[in-house]
């Protein structure tokens, strides 16, 4: 008969707790089991999973890597990759997930994570390769088409990106990002009526899509409707407080509506997020000048001029090479 302190019973109890989302209690039981039987491979694996499920990624890391070394199967390699992904350790995460994918090439969740890692690494060639593998596994995957469209967009391959987003729309017109992706490509092609239609379609299903909110604000601003544009920019900032383009647009529209004091805070944050934005410095300087903060206004305008001069010098240097 098993005793209450047996490693097997503690593991069974802990697994039950994890399934009830009582992760912290499960972790204590796993740690207790390891004190009874140090180095037990099953308990170590279960504790690694519990740390991951509880979002304790730093604590999970040494355990998941140990399990991946000792038992390099799909589950252990995948867990190690996802843990490192959560810790923004993209390159080692990609290595684990590539090994996991080699064992189960049709696992879409692993390919999705791997492709997103390559997007974050700006390795668009590898990203498109991974998304092509997703499409091979599931040719009708709207998600894979959207991700492929994102990668092509980053590579400035607008026609390819458009084709992928259109394929995603055919696969599932309700999938998140389908219409915002289409709208973004149309916006880049200066097809503003088509872009507006797509952004509105995205927002009808996903009202907190920051890209759709921000770019719809830009279109309304172009149409001479700063009041409506401001509302969309504000909604985008509410969704993503660090969205530099939305903050800049919000400041611009507040200025256009003769609210310079309200324009200053979003413009200052926009400048902080992108210190090399000539436009943001210049518009912030204009807002500061309108409220009588002349010295600060001149400083912002000088900064804008210095950045612009440096950019022109770099461009001239490239031409002379």
Protein backbone atom coordinates (compact mmCIF):
# COMPACT_ATOMS: atom_id res chain seq x y z
CA UNK A 1 0.00 0.00 0.00
CA UNK A 2 1.33 3.45 -0.93
CA UNK A 3 2.00 5.87 1.94
CA UNK A 4 0.67 9.50 1.90
CA UNK A 5 4.26 10.63 1.35
CA UNK A 6 4.90 8.45 -1.70
CA UNK A 7 6.18 10.23 -4.76
CA UNK A 8 3.48 8.59 -6.89
CA UNK A 9 0.61 9.87 -4.70
CA UNK A 10 2.09 13.37 -4.49
CA UNK A 11 2.41 13.48 -8.27
CA UNK A 12 -1.16 12.28 -8.79
CA UNK A 13 -2.50 14.85 -6.33
CA UNK A 14 -0.46 17.62 -7.94
CA UNK A 15 -1.67 16.73 -11.44
CA UNK A 16 -5.24 16.94 -10.18
CA UNK A 17 -4.53 20.39 -8.71
CA UNK A 18 -2.98 21.63 -11.96
CA UNK A 19 -6.10 20.51 -13.82
CA UNK A 20 -8.14 22.59 -11.35
CA UNK A 21 -5.89 25.63 -12.04
CA UNK A 22 -4.48 25.36 -8.49
CA UNK A 23 -0.94 25.56 -9.81
CA UNK A 24 0.81 27.00 -6.73
CA UNK A 25 -0.49 24.18 -4.55
CA UNK A 26 0.63 21.64 -7.14
CA UNK A 27 4.11 23.15 -7.24
CA UNK A 28 4.48 22.69 -3.48
CA UNK A 29 3.54 19.02 -3.80
CA UNK A 30 6.03 18.45 -6.62
CA UNK A 31 8.78 20.12 -4.61
CA UNK A 32 7.88 17.95 -1.64
CA UNK A 33 8.10 14.87 -3.87
CA UNK A 34 11.56 15.90 -5.06
CA UNK A 35 12.76 16.17 -1.48
CA UNK A 36 11.69 12.58 -0.99
CA UNK A 37 13.19 11.41 -4.28
CA UNK A 38 15.70 13.98 -5.58
CA UNK A 39 16.19 14.04 -9.32
CA UNK A 40 13.09 11.95 -10.08
CA UNK A 41 12.56 12.43 -13.83
CA UNK A 42 8.76 12.25 -13.78
CA UNK A 43 8.42 14.75 -10.92
CA UNK A 44 10.99 17.08 -12.51
CA UNK A 45 9.03 17.04 -15.78
CA UNK A 46 5.74 17.65 -13.99
CA UNK A 47 7.20 20.51 -11.95
CA UNK A 48 8.55 22.10 -15.15
CA UNK A 49 5.08 21.93 -16.69
CA UNK A 50 3.51 23.40 -13.55
CA UNK A 51 5.96 26.32 -13.51
CA UNK A 52 5.15 26.95 -17.18
CA UNK A 53 1.39 26.75 -16.57
CA UNK A 54 1.79 29.19 -13.68
CA UNK A 55 3.83 31.60 -15.87
CA UNK A 56 6.90 31.13 -13.67
CA UNK A 57 9.11 31.02 -16.74
CA UNK A 58 12.42 31.83 -15.05
CA UNK A 59 11.89 28.97 -12.59
CA UNK A 60 10.74 26.70 -15.39
CA UNK A 61 13.76 27.35 -17.62
CA UNK A 62 16.45 25.18 -15.95
CA UNK A 63 13.98 22.35 -15.50
CA UNK A 64 12.58 22.35 -19.03
CA UNK A 65 16.09 22.47 -20.47
CA UNK A 66 17.17 19.60 -18.22
CA UNK A 67 14.16 17.52 -19.29
CA UNK A 68 14.83 18.35 -22.95
CA UNK A 69 18.42 17.12 -22.55
CA UNK A 70 17.46 13.94 -20.69
CA UNK A 71 14.30 13.11 -22.67
CA UNK A 72 14.51 14.88 -26.06
CA UNK A 73 11.01 14.01 -27.27
CA UNK A 74 8.49 16.34 -28.94
CA UNK A 75 6.79 17.40 -25.71
CA UNK A 76 9.99 18.27 -23.84
CA UNK A 77 11.57 20.13 -26.77
CA UNK A 78 8.35 22.03 -27.45
CA UNK A 79 7.99 23.03 -23.79
CA UNK A 80 11.61 24.22 -23.65
CA UNK A 81 11.09 26.29 -26.80
CA UNK A 82 7.86 27.86 -25.57
CA UNK A 83 9.41 28.69 -22.19
CA UNK A 84 12.36 30.46 -23.80
CA UNK A 85 9.98 32.22 -26.20
CA UNK A 86 8.08 33.56 -23.18
CA UNK A 87 11.41 34.84 -21.81
CA UNK A 88 12.21 36.59 -25.14
CA UNK A 89 15.16 34.25 -25.66
CA UNK A 90 14.32 33.90 -29.32
CA UNK A 91 17.32 32.15 -30.84
CA UNK A 92 17.58 29.26 -28.35
CA UNK A 93 13.77 29.02 -28.42
CA UNK A 94 13.88 28.61 -32.20
CA UNK A 95 16.47 25.85 -31.89
CA UNK A 96 14.27 23.84 -29.53
CA UNK A 97 11.13 24.39 -31.61
CA UNK A 98 12.89 23.41 -34.84
CA UNK A 99 13.92 20.14 -33.20
CA UNK A 100 10.37 19.62 -31.92
CA UNK A 101 8.93 20.37 -35.36
CA UNK A 102 11.28 17.84 -36.96
CA UNK A 103 9.65 15.18 -34.77
CA UNK A 104 6.07 16.34 -35.47
CA UNK A 105 6.15 18.37 -38.70
CA UNK A 106 2.38 18.85 -38.84
CA UNK A 107 1.97 20.39 -35.39
CA UNK A 108 0.54 23.81 -36.23
CA UNK A 109 0.93 25.33 -32.76
CA UNK A 110 4.67 24.67 -32.78
CA UNK A 111 5.04 26.06 -36.31
CA UNK A 112 3.00 29.12 -35.33
CA UNK A 113 5.28 29.85 -32.37
CA UNK A 114 8.39 29.23 -34.46
CA UNK A 115 7.24 31.53 -37.25
CA UNK A 116 6.42 34.30 -34.79
CA UNK A 117 9.90 33.96 -33.28
CA UNK A 118 11.46 34.48 -36.70
CA UNK A 119 9.25 37.54 -37.24
CA UNK A 120 10.58 38.99 -34.00
CA UNK A 121 14.13 38.22 -35.13
CA UNK A 122 13.39 39.97 -38.45
CA UNK A 123 14.42 36.77 -40.21
CA UNK A 124 11.66 36.93 -42.78
CA UNK A 125 13.09 34.25 -45.06
CA UNK A 126 12.87 31.67 -42.24
CA UNK A 127 9.47 33.01 -41.19
CA UNK A 128 8.00 32.52 -44.65
CA UNK A 129 9.55 29.03 -44.79
CA UNK A 130 7.83 28.11 -41.52
CA UNK A 131 4.48 29.53 -42.61
CA UNK A 132 4.80 27.62 -45.89
CA UNK A 133 5.22 24.48 -43.78
CA UNK A 134 2.04 25.43 -41.93
CA UNK A 135 0.21 25.75 -45.24
CA UNK A 136 1.56 22.40 -46.39
CA UNK A 137 0.17 20.84 -43.21
CA UNK A 138 -3.14 22.71 -43.57
CA UNK A 139 -3.65 24.46 -46.95
CA UNK A 140 -6.83 26.12 -45.68
CA UNK A 141 -5.30 27.66 -42.56
CA UNK A 142 -6.38 31.30 -42.40
CA UNK A 143 -3.88 31.79 -39.59
CA UNK A 144 -0.97 30.61 -41.75
CA UNK A 145 -2.03 32.87 -44.62
CA UNK A 146 -2.30 35.88 -42.27
CA UNK A 147 1.14 35.19 -40.80
CA UNK A 148 2.61 34.73 -44.29
CA UNK A 149 1.02 38.04 -45.27
CA UNK A 150 2.64 39.72 -42.28
CA UNK A 151 6.05 38.35 -43.25
CA UNK A 152 5.70 39.47 -46.87
CA UNK A 153 4.57 42.90 -45.66
CA UNK A 154 7.75 43.22 -43.57
CA UNK A 155 9.74 42.32 -46.69
CA UNK A 156 7.89 45.07 -48.66
CA UNK A 157 6.47 42.41 -50.99
CA UNK A 158 3.07 44.07 -51.09
CA UNK A 159 1.59 42.04 -53.94
CA UNK A 160 2.53 38.75 -52.25
CA UNK A 161 1.19 40.02 -48.93
CA UNK A 162 -2.08 41.03 -50.57
CA UNK A 163 -2.43 37.58 -52.16
CA UNK A 164 -1.90 35.90 -48.77
CA UNK A 165 -4.45 38.08 -46.98
CA UNK A 166 -6.96 37.43 -49.78
CA UNK A 167 -6.33 33.69 -49.40
CA UNK A 168 -6.92 34.05 -45.65
CA UNK A 169 -10.20 35.85 -46.35
CA UNK A 170 -11.33 33.00 -48.61
CA UNK A 171 -10.38 30.47 -45.92
CA UNK A 172 -12.06 32.32 -43.04
CA UNK A 173 -13.28 35.92 -43.47
CA UNK A 174 -13.86 36.18 -39.71
CA UNK A 175 -10.30 35.30 -38.69
CA UNK A 176 -8.61 38.09 -36.64
CA UNK A 177 -6.24 40.19 -38.73
CA UNK A 178 -7.61 39.25 -42.15
CA UNK A 179 -9.28 42.58 -42.83
CA UNK A 180 -6.74 44.72 -40.98
CA UNK A 181 -4.02 43.05 -43.05
CA UNK A 182 -5.88 43.74 -46.28
CA UNK A 183 -6.52 47.30 -45.15
CA UNK A 184 -2.85 47.86 -44.35
CA UNK A 185 -1.75 46.77 -47.84
CA UNK A 186 -4.42 48.90 -49.51
CA UNK A 187 -3.34 51.83 -47.32
CA UNK A 188 0.28 51.39 -48.42
CA UNK A 189 -0.93 51.37 -52.03
CA UNK A 190 -2.83 54.65 -51.38
CA UNK A 191 -6.14 52.89 -52.02
CA UNK A 192 -7.80 54.64 -49.11
CA UNK A 193 -11.43 53.80 -49.92
CA UNK A 194 -10.61 50.07 -50.03
CA UNK A 195 -8.47 50.37 -46.89
CA UNK A 196 -11.25 52.14 -45.02
CA UNK A 197 -13.72 49.41 -45.97
CA UNK A 198 -11.38 46.70 -44.67
CA UNK A 199 -10.57 48.48 -41.40
CA UNK A 200 -14.27 48.99 -40.74
CA UNK A 201 -14.88 45.29 -41.45
CA UNK A 202 -12.17 44.32 -38.95
CA UNK A 203 -13.54 46.66 -36.30
CA UNK A 204 -17.08 45.34 -36.77
CA UNK A 205 -15.81 42.00 -35.41
CA UNK A 206 -12.81 43.06 -33.32
CA UNK A 207 -13.45 46.61 -32.06
CA UNK A 208 -10.11 46.78 -30.22
CA UNK A 209 -7.85 46.14 -33.24
CA UNK A 210 -5.18 48.84 -32.70
CA UNK A 211 -3.88 48.79 -36.29
CA UNK A 212 -7.37 49.24 -37.72
CA UNK A 213 -8.20 52.00 -35.23
CA UNK A 214 -4.99 53.92 -35.88
CA UNK A 215 -4.99 53.67 -39.67
CA UNK A 216 -8.68 54.46 -39.89
CA UNK A 217 -7.83 57.55 -37.86
CA UNK A 218 -5.16 58.45 -40.41
CA UNK A 219 -7.64 58.07 -43.27
CA UNK A 220 -10.21 60.27 -41.52
CA UNK A 221 -7.48 62.81 -40.85
CA UNK A 222 -6.65 62.83 -44.56
CA UNK A 223 -10.33 63.37 -45.29
CA UNK A 224 -10.31 66.51 -43.15
CA UNK A 225 -12.21 65.09 -40.19
CA UNK A 226 -9.82 65.54 -37.23
CA UNK A 227 -12.57 65.17 -34.62
CA UNK A 228 -13.52 61.67 -35.79
CA UNK A 229 -9.86 60.81 -36.34
CA UNK A 230 -9.03 61.81 -32.76
CA UNK A 231 -11.61 59.34 -31.41
CA UNK A 232 -10.02 56.47 -33.35
CA UNK A 233 -6.50 57.45 -32.30
CA UNK A 234 -7.62 57.64 -28.67
CA UNK A 235 -9.23 54.19 -28.92
CA UNK A 236 -5.99 52.79 -30.39
CA UNK A 237 -3.97 54.31 -27.52
CA UNK A 238 -6.46 52.91 -25.00
CA UNK A 239 -5.82 49.46 -26.47
CA UNK A 240 -2.06 49.88 -26.81
CA UNK A 241 -0.66 52.77 -24.72
CA UNK A 242 2.75 52.47 -26.44
CA UNK A 243 1.48 52.69 -30.01
CA UNK A 244 3.75 55.48 -31.27
CA UNK A 245 1.87 56.20 -34.51
CA UNK A 246 -1.45 56.46 -32.66
CA UNK A 247 0.05 58.77 -30.02
CA UNK A 248 1.48 61.00 -32.75
CA UNK A 249 -1.85 61.05 -34.59
CA UNK A 250 -3.68 61.88 -31.37
CA UNK A 251 -1.36 64.81 -30.76
CA UNK A 252 -1.74 66.03 -34.34
CA UNK A 253 -5.52 65.97 -34.21
CA UNK A 254 -5.65 67.70 -30.83
CA UNK A 255 -3.49 70.42 -32.35
CA UNK A 256 -5.71 70.62 -35.43
CA UNK A 257 -8.73 71.01 -33.12
CA UNK A 258 -6.97 73.90 -31.35
CA UNK A 259 -6.28 71.93 -28.18
CA UNK A 260 -2.48 72.37 -27.95
CA UNK A 261 -2.34 71.66 -24.22
CA UNK A 262 -4.05 68.29 -24.80
CA UNK A 263 -1.64 67.54 -27.65
CA UNK A 264 1.54 67.81 -25.56
CA UNK A 265 1.33 64.62 -23.47
CA UNK A 266 0.74 62.15 -26.34
CA UNK A 267 3.38 63.91 -28.46
CA UNK A 268 5.93 63.76 -25.65
CA UNK A 269 5.31 60.04 -25.28
CA UNK A 270 5.54 59.58 -29.07
CA UNK A 271 8.93 61.32 -29.03
CA UNK A 272 10.10 59.15 -26.15
CA UNK A 273 9.09 55.99 -28.01
CA UNK A 274 10.73 57.14 -31.25
CA UNK A 275 13.38 59.79 -30.50
CA UNK A 276 14.40 59.97 -34.17
CA UNK A 277 10.99 61.03 -35.47
CA UNK A 278 11.46 64.43 -37.12
CA UNK A 279 7.71 64.94 -37.42
CA UNK A 280 7.00 64.15 -33.76
CA UNK A 281 9.64 66.61 -32.52
CA UNK A 282 8.43 69.31 -34.90
CA UNK A 283 4.73 68.93 -34.04
CA UNK A 284 5.55 68.79 -30.31
CA UNK A 285 7.49 72.03 -30.75
CA UNK A 286 4.46 73.61 -32.42
CA UNK A 287 2.18 72.55 -29.55
CA UNK A 288 4.61 73.86 -26.93
CA UNK A 289 4.90 77.19 -28.76
CA UNK A 290 1.12 77.59 -28.84
CA UNK A 291 0.89 77.27 -25.05
CA UNK A 292 3.72 79.74 -24.48
CA UNK A 293 6.49 77.28 -23.63
CA UNK A 294 8.83 78.97 -26.10
CA UNK A 295 12.17 77.68 -24.84
CA UNK A 296 11.02 74.04 -24.93
CA UNK A 297 9.44 74.62 -28.34
CA UNK A 298 12.72 75.91 -29.78
CA UNK A 299 14.59 72.94 -28.32
CA UNK A 300 12.20 70.49 -30.00
CA UNK A 301 12.45 72.28 -33.33
CA UNK A 302 16.27 72.32 -33.12
CA UNK A 303 16.21 68.58 -32.39
CA UNK A 304 13.99 68.01 -35.42
CA UNK A 305 16.39 69.99 -37.61
CA UNK A 306 19.43 68.09 -36.27
CA UNK A 307 17.81 64.70 -36.89
CA UNK A 308 16.80 65.78 -40.39
CA UNK A 309 20.32 67.02 -41.16
CA UNK A 310 21.83 63.74 -39.92
CA UNK A 311 19.41 61.73 -42.06
CA UNK A 312 20.30 63.77 -45.15
CA UNK A 313 24.01 63.30 -44.45
CA UNK A 314 23.56 59.52 -44.24
CA UNK A 315 21.59 59.49 -47.49
CA UNK A 316 24.28 61.57 -49.22
CA UNK A 317 26.97 59.22 -47.92
CA UNK A 318 25.11 56.22 -49.36
CA UNK A 319 24.86 57.92 -52.76
CA UNK A 320 28.59 58.69 -52.77
CA UNK A 321 29.65 55.13 -52.04
